[in-house]
C-alpha atoms as a PDB file:
ATOM      1  CA  MET A   1      -4.281  11.556 -15.813  1.00  0.00           C
ATOM      2  CA  LEU A   2      -5.309  12.198 -12.081  1.00  0.00           C
ATOM      3  CA  ALA A   3      -3.417   8.852 -10.342  1.00  0.00           C
ATOM      4  CA  GLY A   4       0.111   9.257 -13.199  1.00  0.00           C
ATOM      5  CA  VAL A   5       0.044  12.733 -10.621  1.00  0.00           C
ATOM      6  CA  ALA A   6      -0.350  11.078  -7.689  1.00  0.00           C
ATOM      7  CA  ALA A   7       1.748   8.119  -8.306  1.00  0.00           C
ATOM      8  CA  ALA A   8       4.404  10.517  -9.699  1.00  0.00           C
ATOM      9  CA  VAL A   9       4.012  12.779  -5.902  1.00  0.00           C
ATOM     10  CA  ALA A  10       3.696   9.566  -3.661  1.00  0.00           C
ATOM     11  CA  GLY A  11       7.258   8.690  -5.203  1.00  0.00           C
ATOM     12  CA  VAL A  12       9.248  11.678  -4.591  1.00  0.00           C
ATOM     13  CA  GLY A  13       7.500  11.521  -1.668  1.00  0.00           C
ATOM     14  CA  ALA A  14       8.859   7.916  -0.878  1.00  0.00           C
ATOM     15  CA  VAL A  15      12.685   8.866  -2.156  1.00  0.00           C
ATOM     16  CA  LEU A  16      12.982  12.153   0.099  1.00  0.00           C
ATOM     17  CA  ALA A  17      11.872   9.411   3.142  1.00  0.00           C
ATOM     18  CA  LEU A  18      14.562   7.305   1.695  1.00  0.00           C
ATOM     19  CA  ALA A  19      16.747   9.718   0.426  1.00  0.00           C
ATOM     20  CA  ASP A  20      17.273  11.344   3.833  1.00  0.00           C
ATOM     21  CA  ILE A  21      16.177  14.667   2.289  1.00  0.00           C
ATOM     22  CA  THR A  22      16.005  17.503   3.809  1.00  0.00           C
ATOM     23  CA  SER A  23      13.289  19.521   2.382  1.00  0.00           C
ATOM     24  CA  PRO A  24      10.059  20.867   3.509  1.00  0.00           C
ATOM     25  CA  LEU A  25       8.026  19.219   1.561  1.00  0.00           C
ATOM     26  CA  ARG A  26       9.546  15.563   2.570  1.00  0.00           C
ATOM     27  CA  GLY A  27       7.021  14.942   5.257  1.00  0.00           C
ATOM     28  CA  PRO A  28       3.807  16.073   3.711  1.00  0.00           C
ATOM     29  CA  LEU A  29       5.261  13.732   0.322  1.00  0.00           C
ATOM     30  CA  THR A  30       5.700  11.587   2.614  1.00  0.00           C
ATOM     31  CA  LEU A  31       2.380  11.387   4.461  1.00  0.00           C
ATOM     32  CA  PHE A  32       0.266  11.182   1.536  1.00  0.00           C
ATOM     33  CA  PHE A  33       3.372   8.070  -0.152  1.00  0.00           C
ATOM     34  CA  LEU A  34       2.468   6.115   3.429  1.00  0.00           C
ATOM     35  CA  LEU A  35      -1.558   7.014   2.299  1.00  0.00           C
ATOM     36  CA  ALA A  36      -1.534   6.447  -1.201  1.00  0.00           C
ATOM     37  CA  ALA A  37       0.427   3.220  -1.903  1.00  0.00           C
ATOM     38  CA  PRO A  38      -1.680   1.102   0.651  1.00  0.00           C
ATOM     39  CA  GLY A  39      -4.848   3.207  -0.040  1.00  0.00           C
ATOM     40  CA  ALA A  40      -3.957   1.980  -3.770  1.00  0.00           C
ATOM     41  CA  ALA A  41      -4.007  -1.674  -3.224  1.00  0.00           C
ATOM     42  CA  ILE A  42      -7.073  -1.682  -0.800  1.00  0.00           C
ATOM     43  CA  ALA A  43      -8.723  -0.162  -3.509  1.00  0.00           C
ATOM     44  CA  SER A  44      -7.636  -2.418  -6.139  1.00  0.00           C
ATOM     45  CA  ALA A  45      -9.033  -5.005  -4.408  1.00  0.00           C
ATOM     46  CA  LEU A  46     -12.644  -4.070  -3.562  1.00  0.00           C
ATOM     47  CA  ARG A  47     -13.736  -3.263  -7.482  1.00  0.00           C
ATOM     48  CA  GLY A  48     -17.284  -4.602  -6.426  1.00  0.00           C
ATOM     49  CA  LEU A  49     -17.751  -1.666  -3.929  1.00  0.00           C
ATOM     50  CA  ASP A  50     -19.645   1.943  -5.294  1.00  0.00           C
ATOM     51  CA  PRO A  51     -16.663   4.541  -5.572  1.00  0.00           C
ATOM     52  CA  TRP A  52     -17.666   6.409  -2.275  1.00  0.00           C
ATOM     53  CA  GLY A  53     -17.421   2.911  -0.271  1.00  0.00           C
ATOM     54  CA  ARG A  54     -14.137   2.165  -2.026  1.00  0.00           C
ATOM     55  CA  TRP A  55     -12.739   5.320  -1.842  1.00  0.00           C
ATOM     56  CA  ILE A  56     -13.564   5.424   2.174  1.00  0.00           C
ATOM     57  CA  ALA A  57     -12.658   1.907   2.897  1.00  0.00           C
ATOM     58  CA  ALA A  58      -9.187   2.653   0.843  1.00  0.00           C
ATOM     59  CA  VAL A  59      -8.394   5.364   3.411  1.00  0.00           C
ATOM     60  CA  ALA A  60      -9.662   3.702   6.566  1.00  0.00           C
ATOM     61  CA  GLY A  61      -7.521   0.194   5.840  1.00  0.00           C
ATOM     62  CA  ALA A  62      -4.414   2.517   4.517  1.00  0.00           C
ATOM     63  CA  VAL A  63      -4.701   4.206   8.045  1.00  0.00           C
ATOM     64  CA  ALA A  64      -4.830   1.588   9.612  1.00  0.00           C
ATOM     65  CA  LEU A  65      -2.314  -0.112   8.200  1.00  0.00           C
ATOM     66  CA  ASP A  66       0.280   2.168   8.550  1.00  0.00           C
ATOM     67  CA  LEU A  67      -1.246   2.272  12.323  1.00  0.00           C
ATOM     68  CA  LEU A  68      -0.408  -1.627  13.094  1.00  0.00           C
ATOM     69  CA  VAL A  69       3.255  -0.938  11.088  1.00  0.00           C
ATOM     70  CA  ALA A  70       4.222   1.759  13.626  1.00  0.00           C
ATOM     71  CA  GLU A  71       3.136  -0.365  16.469  1.00  0.00           C
ATOM     72  CA  ALA A  72       4.976  -3.684  15.195  1.00  0.00           C
ATOM     73  CA  MET A  73       8.091  -1.150  14.619  1.00  0.00           C
ATOM     74  CA  LEU A  74       7.315   0.293  18.290  1.00  0.00           C
ATOM     75  CA  ALA A  75       7.079  -3.375  20.410  1.00  0.00           C
ATOM     76  CA  THR A  76       9.994  -4.722  18.922  1.00  0.00           C
ATOM     77  CA  HIS A  77      12.236  -1.407  19.210  1.00  0.00           C
ATOM     78  CA  ARG A  78      12.745  -1.139  15.272  1.00  0.00           C
ATOM     79  CA  TRP A  79      11.609   2.778  15.325  1.00  0.00           C
ATOM     80  CA  SER A  80      12.448   3.526  11.859  1.00  0.00           C
ATOM     81  CA  VAL A  81      11.005   5.196   9.143  1.00  0.00           C
ATOM     82  CA  THR A  82      13.109   4.553   6.390  1.00  0.00           C
ATOM     83  CA  GLY A  83      11.710   0.891   7.628  1.00  0.00           C
ATOM     84  CA  GLY A  84       8.001   2.315   7.914  1.00  0.00           C
ATOM     85  CA  VAL A  85       8.494   3.274   4.070  1.00  0.00           C
ATOM     86  CA  VAL A  86      10.043  -0.221   3.247  1.00  0.00           C
ATOM     87  CA  THR A  87       7.406  -2.133   4.584  1.00  0.00           C
ATOM     88  CA  ILE A  88       3.902   0.101   3.567  1.00  0.00           C
ATOM     89  CA  ALA A  89       5.780  -0.071   0.019  1.00  0.00           C
ATOM     90  CA  ALA A  90       6.130  -3.620   0.386  1.00  0.00           C
ATOM     91  CA  ILE A  91       2.866  -4.382   1.382  1.00  0.00           C
ATOM     92  CA  SER A  92       1.010  -2.158  -1.201  1.00  0.00           C
ATOM     93  CA  VAL A  93       3.260  -3.868  -4.193  1.00  0.00           C
ATOM     94  CA  VAL A  94       2.226  -7.469  -2.651  1.00  0.00           C
ATOM     95  CA  GLY A  95      -1.583  -6.052  -2.281  1.00  0.00           C
ATOM     96  CA  LEU A  96      -1.202  -4.497  -5.840  1.00  0.00           C
ATOM     97  CA  LEU A  97      -0.110  -8.053  -7.285  1.00  0.00           C
ATOM     98  CA  ALA A  98      -2.851 -10.207  -5.089  1.00  0.00           C
ATOM     99  CA  PRO A  99      -5.759  -9.406  -7.286  1.00  0.00           C
ATOM    100  CA  MET A 100      -4.176 -10.299 -10.771  1.00  0.00           C
ATOM    101  CA  VAL A 101      -3.174 -13.570  -9.471  1.00  0.00           C
ATOM    102  CA  PRO A 102      -6.106 -15.570 -10.049  1.00  0.00           C
ATOM    103  CA  ALA A 103      -7.773 -17.481  -7.719  1.00  0.00           C
ATOM    104  CA  ARG A 104      -7.528 -21.484  -8.718  1.00  0.00           C
ATOM    105  CA  ARG A 105      -3.891 -20.921  -8.095  1.00  0.00           C
ATOM    106  CA  LEU A 106      -4.151 -19.754  -4.675  1.00  0.00           C
ATOM    107  CA  LEU A 107      -5.986 -22.614  -4.520  1.00  0.00           C
ATOM    108  CA  GLY A 108      -3.648 -25.045  -5.729  1.00  0.00           C
ATOM    109  CA  ARG A 109      -5.371 -26.741  -8.685  1.00  0.00           C
ATOM    110  CA  ALA A 110      -3.987 -27.010 -12.484  1.00  0.00           C
ATOM    111  CA  PRO A 111      -7.133 -24.959 -14.297  1.00  0.00           C
ATOM    112  CA  GLY A 112      -7.502 -27.896 -16.139  1.00  0.00           C
ATOM    113  CA  ARG A 113      -7.951 -30.192 -13.402  1.00  0.00           C
ATOM    114  CA  ARG A 114     -11.425 -30.881 -11.701  1.00  0.00           C
ATOM    115  CA  ASP A 115     -11.581 -32.949  -8.425  1.00  0.00           C
ATOM    116  CA  SER A 116     -14.254 -36.058  -7.943  1.00  0.00           C
END
């Protein structure tokens, strides 16, 4: 249930930022989205770690990803709050879906075929 509430709060933060709605909650909820979305994607890929290690790696990875996106936007002179939120959302969706793809499919091998 807590994960559902966190997803709803992050979604509201993304909507507030994308719709450019003036609200005192816009900043904190958008920041929560920018940390929670990539953090969830990274945590889903690190299922083998213990909970504390996974949590720390997910938060550190989320901060690093946010900084990389911001730095790329600044370097290309394309700074935009909307662009940053959309970019983080797209990277997070790809990161959440990537562990669901079987490794054989990523390597380009058919499931029933053996290379000799």
